[in-house]
Amino acid sequence: MRLATPVESTGHTGHAWGKAHWVAVAEVADGTISDWQVHEVAWDVSHDAGTHGSHHARVVTFLREQRIDAIVVDHVGEGMRLMLATMNIPIFPSTPGDAKESVLAAVTR
């Protein structure tokens, strides 16, 4: 399963999805992370540049390119939540602290 989660520069879980600066993509199987890559998406910068539709399109492009099955996050705005539902991408709740532990906790609940 490929999951995406917002992360801070410290490796901790980020708070918001649509305004994340970095997003980690984790490949998880049998309760273990086999691959972890952090991408600088800079959605915090691009969020207010243009329309919500153009911002959502950037997020959709990332999700498709990375073949994301689900996201792990604390907060998602209503418009983004609807877009993710349309893409059939579930949202799992994150936990504070280490982002890798948060991803593992989300898939083992």
N, C-alpha and C. Protein backbone atom coordinates (compact mmCIF):
# COMPACT_ATOMS: atom_id res chain seq x y z
N MET A 1 0.85 -1.17 0.00
CA MET A 1 0.00 0.00 0.00
C MET A 1 0.89 1.23 0.00
N ARG A 2 0.54 2.20 -0.83
CA ARG A 2 1.31 3.45 -0.90
C ARG A 2 0.50 4.54 -0.19
N LEU A 3 1.12 5.13 0.81
CA LEU A 3 0.47 6.17 1.60
C LEU A 3 1.28 7.45 1.53
N ALA A 4 0.57 8.56 1.62
CA ALA A 4 1.23 9.87 1.65
C ALA A 4 0.83 10.57 2.94
N THR A 5 1.78 11.32 3.50
CA THR A 5 1.51 12.06 4.73
C THR A 5 2.32 13.34 4.73
N PRO A 6 1.76 14.44 5.23
CA PRO A 6 2.55 15.66 5.33
C PRO A 6 3.58 15.52 6.44
N VAL A 7 4.79 16.02 6.20
CA VAL A 7 5.84 15.93 7.20
C VAL A 7 6.50 17.29 7.39
N GLU A 8 7.06 17.47 8.56
CA GLU A 8 7.85 18.66 8.87
C GLU A 8 9.32 18.36 8.58
N SER A 9 10.15 19.38 8.58
CA SER A 9 11.58 19.19 8.33
C SER A 9 12.23 18.32 9.39
N THR A 10 11.60 18.21 10.56
CA THR A 10 12.12 17.41 11.66
C THR A 10 11.80 15.92 11.52
N GLY A 11 10.95 15.57 10.55
CA GLY A 11 10.51 14.18 10.40
C GLY A 11 9.23 13.89 11.16
N HIS A 12 8.70 14.92 11.80
CA HIS A 12 7.44 14.75 12.52
C HIS A 12 6.26 14.93 11.58
N THR A 13 5.12 14.43 12.01
CA THR A 13 3.88 14.55 11.27
C THR A 13 3.52 16.01 11.07
N GLY A 14 3.17 16.36 9.83
CA GLY A 14 2.67 17.69 9.54
C GLY A 14 1.19 17.77 9.86
N HIS A 15 0.69 18.98 10.04
CA HIS A 15 -0.70 19.15 10.47
C HIS A 15 -1.69 19.10 9.30
N ALA A 16 -1.44 19.86 8.26
CA ALA A 16 -2.45 20.02 7.20
C ALA A 16 -1.98 19.42 5.89
N TRP A 17 -2.92 18.95 5.11
CA TRP A 17 -2.61 18.31 3.83
C TRP A 17 -2.39 19.35 2.73
N GLY A 18 -3.37 20.17 2.45
CA GLY A 18 -3.31 21.09 1.31
C GLY A 18 -2.31 22.21 1.44
N LYS A 19 -1.79 22.43 2.63
CA LYS A 19 -0.79 23.48 2.83
C LYS A 19 0.54 22.89 3.29
N ALA A 20 0.76 21.62 2.99
CA ALA A 20 2.02 20.97 3.37
C ALA A 20 3.17 21.52 2.54
N HIS A 21 4.34 21.58 3.12
CA HIS A 21 5.54 21.94 2.35
C HIS A 21 6.23 20.66 1.86
N TRP A 22 6.24 19.64 2.72
CA TRP A 22 6.83 18.35 2.36
C TRP A 22 5.78 17.26 2.54
N VAL A 23 5.80 16.29 1.65
CA VAL A 23 4.92 15.12 1.75
C VAL A 23 5.79 13.88 1.61
N ALA A 24 5.65 12.97 2.56
CA ALA A 24 6.37 11.70 2.48
C ALA A 24 5.46 10.67 1.83
N VAL A 25 6.06 9.83 1.01
CA VAL A 25 5.36 8.71 0.39
C VAL A 25 5.98 7.44 0.94
N ALA A 26 5.13 6.61 1.53
CA ALA A 26 5.60 5.37 2.16
C ALA A 26 5.00 4.17 1.44
N GLU A 27 5.84 3.19 1.21
CA GLU A 27 5.39 1.89 0.72
C GLU A 27 5.32 1.00 1.95
N VAL A 28 4.12 0.50 2.27
CA VAL A 28 3.93 -0.28 3.49
C VAL A 28 3.36 -1.65 3.13
N ALA A 29 3.99 -2.68 3.67
CA ALA A 29 3.50 -4.05 3.49
C ALA A 29 3.83 -4.84 4.75
N ASP A 30 2.89 -5.66 5.19
CA ASP A 30 3.09 -6.52 6.37
C ASP A 30 3.58 -5.75 7.59
N GLY A 31 3.01 -4.55 7.78
CA GLY A 31 3.35 -3.76 8.97
C GLY A 31 4.73 -3.13 8.97
N THR A 32 5.37 -3.06 7.79
CA THR A 32 6.70 -2.46 7.69
C THR A 32 6.75 -1.46 6.54
N ILE A 33 7.55 -0.44 6.73
CA ILE A 33 7.79 0.53 5.66
C ILE A 33 9.00 0.05 4.87
N SER A 34 8.76 -0.27 3.60
CA SER A 34 9.88 -0.75 2.76
C SER A 34 10.51 0.38 1.96
N ASP A 35 9.80 1.50 1.82
CA ASP A 35 10.35 2.65 1.11
C ASP A 35 9.74 3.91 1.69
N TRP A 36 10.56 4.96 1.83
CA TRP A 36 10.11 6.24 2.40
C TRP A 36 10.82 7.34 1.63
N GLN A 37 10.05 8.15 0.92
CA GLN A 37 10.63 9.25 0.16
C GLN A 37 9.90 10.53 0.52
N VAL A 38 10.67 11.59 0.77
CA VAL A 38 10.09 12.88 1.10
C VAL A 38 10.19 13.79 -0.13
N HIS A 39 9.05 14.38 -0.50
CA HIS A 39 8.96 15.26 -1.66
C HIS A 39 8.67 16.68 -1.20
N GLU A 40 9.40 17.64 -1.73
CA GLU A 40 9.09 19.04 -1.44
C GLU A 40 8.03 19.50 -2.43
N VAL A 41 6.79 19.54 -1.96
CA VAL A 41 5.67 19.90 -2.83
C VAL A 41 5.36 21.40 -2.78
N ALA A 42 5.72 22.05 -1.68
CA ALA A 42 5.53 23.50 -1.48
C ALA A 42 4.09 23.95 -1.68
N TRP A 43 3.15 23.11 -1.25
CA TRP A 43 1.75 23.50 -1.36
C TRP A 43 1.42 24.66 -0.44
N ASP A 44 2.22 24.87 0.60
CA ASP A 44 2.01 26.02 1.47
C ASP A 44 2.23 27.32 0.69
N VAL A 45 3.13 27.30 -0.27
CA VAL A 45 3.42 28.47 -1.10
C VAL A 45 2.39 28.60 -2.22
N SER A 46 2.10 27.49 -2.88
CA SER A 46 1.22 27.54 -4.05
C SER A 46 -0.27 27.56 -3.71
N HIS A 47 -0.62 27.30 -2.45
CA HIS A 47 -2.04 27.21 -2.05
C HIS A 47 -2.83 28.44 -2.47
N ASP A 48 -2.30 29.61 -2.24
CA ASP A 48 -3.03 30.84 -2.52
C ASP A 48 -2.67 31.46 -3.87
N ALA A 49 -1.89 30.73 -4.68
CA ALA A 49 -1.54 31.22 -6.02
C ALA A 49 -2.53 30.62 -7.01
N GLY A 50 -3.48 31.40 -7.44
CA GLY A 50 -4.49 30.89 -8.38
C GLY A 50 -5.74 30.44 -7.65
N THR A 51 -6.52 29.62 -8.32
CA THR A 51 -7.81 29.18 -7.80
C THR A 51 -7.66 27.91 -6.98
N HIS A 52 -8.72 27.58 -6.24
CA HIS A 52 -8.73 26.31 -5.51
C HIS A 52 -8.65 25.15 -6.50
N GLY A 53 -9.30 25.31 -7.64
CA GLY A 53 -9.27 24.27 -8.66
C GLY A 53 -7.86 23.99 -9.16
N SER A 54 -7.07 25.04 -9.38
CA SER A 54 -5.70 24.83 -9.85
C SER A 54 -4.84 24.19 -8.75
N HIS A 55 -5.11 24.56 -7.51
CA HIS A 55 -4.37 23.94 -6.40
C HIS A 55 -4.74 22.46 -6.29
N HIS A 56 -6.01 22.16 -6.36
CA HIS A 56 -6.45 20.77 -6.28
C HIS A 56 -5.86 19.96 -7.44
N ALA A 57 -5.74 20.57 -8.60
CA ALA A 57 -5.15 19.88 -9.76
C ALA A 57 -3.70 19.51 -9.48
N ARG A 58 -2.94 20.39 -8.81
CA ARG A 58 -1.56 20.07 -8.44
C ARG A 58 -1.51 18.86 -7.51
N VAL A 59 -2.43 18.83 -6.56
CA VAL A 59 -2.48 17.73 -5.60
C VAL A 59 -2.86 16.43 -6.32
N VAL A 60 -3.85 16.50 -7.19
CA VAL A 60 -4.28 15.32 -7.96
C VAL A 60 -3.12 14.78 -8.78
N THR A 61 -2.39 15.66 -9.42
CA THR A 61 -1.24 15.24 -10.23
C THR A 61 -0.24 14.49 -9.37
N PHE A 62 0.08 15.03 -8.20
CA PHE A 62 1.02 14.37 -7.29
C PHE A 62 0.50 12.99 -6.89
N LEU A 63 -0.76 12.92 -6.49
CA LEU A 63 -1.34 11.65 -6.05
C LEU A 63 -1.30 10.59 -7.16
N ARG A 64 -1.61 11.01 -8.36
CA ARG A 64 -1.59 10.07 -9.49
C ARG A 64 -0.16 9.65 -9.83
N GLU A 65 0.75 10.62 -9.90
CA GLU A 65 2.14 10.29 -10.24
C GLU A 65 2.76 9.35 -9.23
N GLN A 66 2.40 9.51 -7.96
CA GLN A 66 2.97 8.69 -6.89
C GLN A 66 2.14 7.43 -6.63
N ARG A 67 1.03 7.26 -7.34
CA ARG A 67 0.16 6.08 -7.19
C ARG A 67 -0.27 5.88 -5.73
N ILE A 68 -0.78 6.93 -5.12
CA ILE A 68 -1.15 6.92 -3.70
C ILE A 68 -2.49 6.20 -3.51
N ASP A 69 -2.49 5.28 -2.52
CA ASP A 69 -3.70 4.53 -2.18
C ASP A 69 -4.50 5.20 -1.06
N ALA A 70 -3.83 5.91 -0.16
CA ALA A 70 -4.49 6.56 0.98
C ALA A 70 -3.57 7.65 1.51
N ILE A 71 -4.15 8.59 2.25
CA ILE A 71 -3.33 9.60 2.91
C ILE A 71 -3.52 9.49 4.42
N VAL A 72 -2.50 9.93 5.15
CA VAL A 72 -2.51 9.91 6.61
C VAL A 72 -2.30 11.36 7.04
N VAL A 73 -3.32 11.95 7.66
CA VAL A 73 -3.25 13.38 7.97
C VAL A 73 -4.23 13.76 9.07
N ASP A 74 -3.92 14.84 9.76
CA ASP A 74 -4.75 15.36 10.84
C ASP A 74 -5.89 16.24 10.31
N HIS A 75 -5.60 17.05 9.28
CA HIS A 75 -6.60 18.01 8.80
C HIS A 75 -6.63 18.06 7.28
N VAL A 76 -7.86 18.01 6.73
CA VAL A 76 -8.09 18.19 5.30
C VAL A 76 -9.32 19.08 5.16
N GLY A 77 -9.19 20.14 4.35
CA GLY A 77 -10.33 21.03 4.11
C GLY A 77 -11.45 20.30 3.38
N GLU A 78 -12.65 20.85 3.47
CA GLU A 78 -13.83 20.18 2.91
C GLU A 78 -13.72 19.97 1.39
N GLY A 79 -13.26 20.96 0.66
CA GLY A 79 -13.10 20.82 -0.78
C GLY A 79 -12.12 19.72 -1.14
N MET A 80 -11.01 19.68 -0.44
CA MET A 80 -10.00 18.65 -0.67
C MET A 80 -10.54 17.27 -0.28
N ARG A 81 -11.30 17.23 0.80
CA ARG A 81 -11.91 15.97 1.25
C ARG A 81 -12.84 15.41 0.16
N LEU A 82 -13.62 16.28 -0.45
CA LEU A 82 -14.51 15.86 -1.53
C LEU A 82 -13.73 15.37 -2.74
N MET A 83 -12.64 16.06 -3.07
CA MET A 83 -11.81 15.66 -4.19
C MET A 83 -11.19 14.29 -3.94
N LEU A 84 -10.70 14.06 -2.74
CA LEU A 84 -10.12 12.76 -2.40
C LEU A 84 -11.17 11.65 -2.45
N ALA A 85 -12.37 11.96 -2.00
CA ALA A 85 -13.45 10.97 -2.06
C ALA A 85 -13.78 10.61 -3.51
N THR A 86 -13.77 11.60 -4.38
CA THR A 86 -14.02 11.36 -5.80
C THR A 86 -12.95 10.44 -6.38
N MET A 87 -11.71 10.56 -5.88
CA MET A 87 -10.61 9.73 -6.36
C MET A 87 -10.56 8.38 -5.63
N ASN A 88 -11.48 8.17 -4.69
CA ASN A 88 -11.50 6.95 -3.87
C ASN A 88 -10.22 6.77 -3.07
N ILE A 89 -9.70 7.88 -2.55
CA ILE A 89 -8.51 7.85 -1.70
C ILE A 89 -8.95 8.09 -0.27
N PRO A 90 -8.87 7.06 0.58
CA PRO A 90 -9.28 7.23 1.98
C PRO A 90 -8.30 8.11 2.77
N ILE A 91 -8.83 8.69 3.82
CA ILE A 91 -8.03 9.53 4.73
C ILE A 91 -7.96 8.80 6.07
N PHE A 92 -6.75 8.45 6.49
CA PHE A 92 -6.53 7.82 7.78
C PHE A 92 -6.02 8.89 8.75
N PRO A 93 -6.45 8.85 10.00
CA PRO A 93 -5.99 9.86 10.96
C PRO A 93 -4.51 9.67 11.32
N SER A 94 -3.82 10.79 11.41
CA SER A 94 -2.41 10.75 11.81
C SER A 94 -2.30 10.88 13.32
N THR A 95 -1.10 10.61 13.81
CA THR A 95 -0.80 10.82 15.22
C THR A 95 0.39 11.75 15.31
N PRO A 96 0.48 12.54 16.38
CA PRO A 96 1.60 13.46 16.52
C PRO A 96 2.91 12.70 16.73
N GLY A 97 4.01 13.39 16.44
CA GLY A 97 5.32 12.78 16.63
C GLY A 97 5.91 12.30 15.34
N ASP A 98 6.65 11.21 15.41
CA ASP A 98 7.36 10.66 14.26
C ASP A 98 6.39 10.28 13.14
N ALA A 99 6.64 10.80 11.95
CA ALA A 99 5.73 10.57 10.82
C ALA A 99 5.70 9.10 10.39
N LYS A 100 6.83 8.42 10.45
CA LYS A 100 6.84 7.01 10.06
C LYS A 100 5.99 6.19 11.03
N GLU A 101 6.10 6.47 12.32
CA GLU A 101 5.27 5.77 13.31
C GLU A 101 3.80 6.07 13.09
N SER A 102 3.49 7.29 12.69
CA SER A 102 2.11 7.69 12.43
C SER A 102 1.52 6.89 11.27
N VAL A 103 2.31 6.73 10.21
CA VAL A 103 1.85 5.96 9.05
C VAL A 103 1.61 4.51 9.44
N LEU A 104 2.53 3.93 10.16
CA LEU A 104 2.37 2.53 10.59
C LEU A 104 1.16 2.37 11.50
N ALA A 105 0.95 3.31 12.40
CA ALA A 105 -0.21 3.25 13.30
C ALA A 105 -1.50 3.34 12.51
N ALA A 106 -1.52 4.16 11.47
CA ALA A 106 -2.73 4.34 10.68
C ALA A 106 -3.15 3.07 9.94
N VAL A 107 -2.18 2.30 9.48
CA VAL A 107 -2.54 1.10 8.71
C VAL A 107 -2.73 -0.13 9.58
N THR A 108 -2.38 -0.05 10.86
CA THR A 108 -2.55 -1.21 11.74
C THR A 108 -3.74 -1.07 12.68
N ARG A 109 -4.53 -0.02 12.52
CA ARG A 109 -5.71 0.19 13.38
C ARG A 109 -6.81 -0.74 13.02
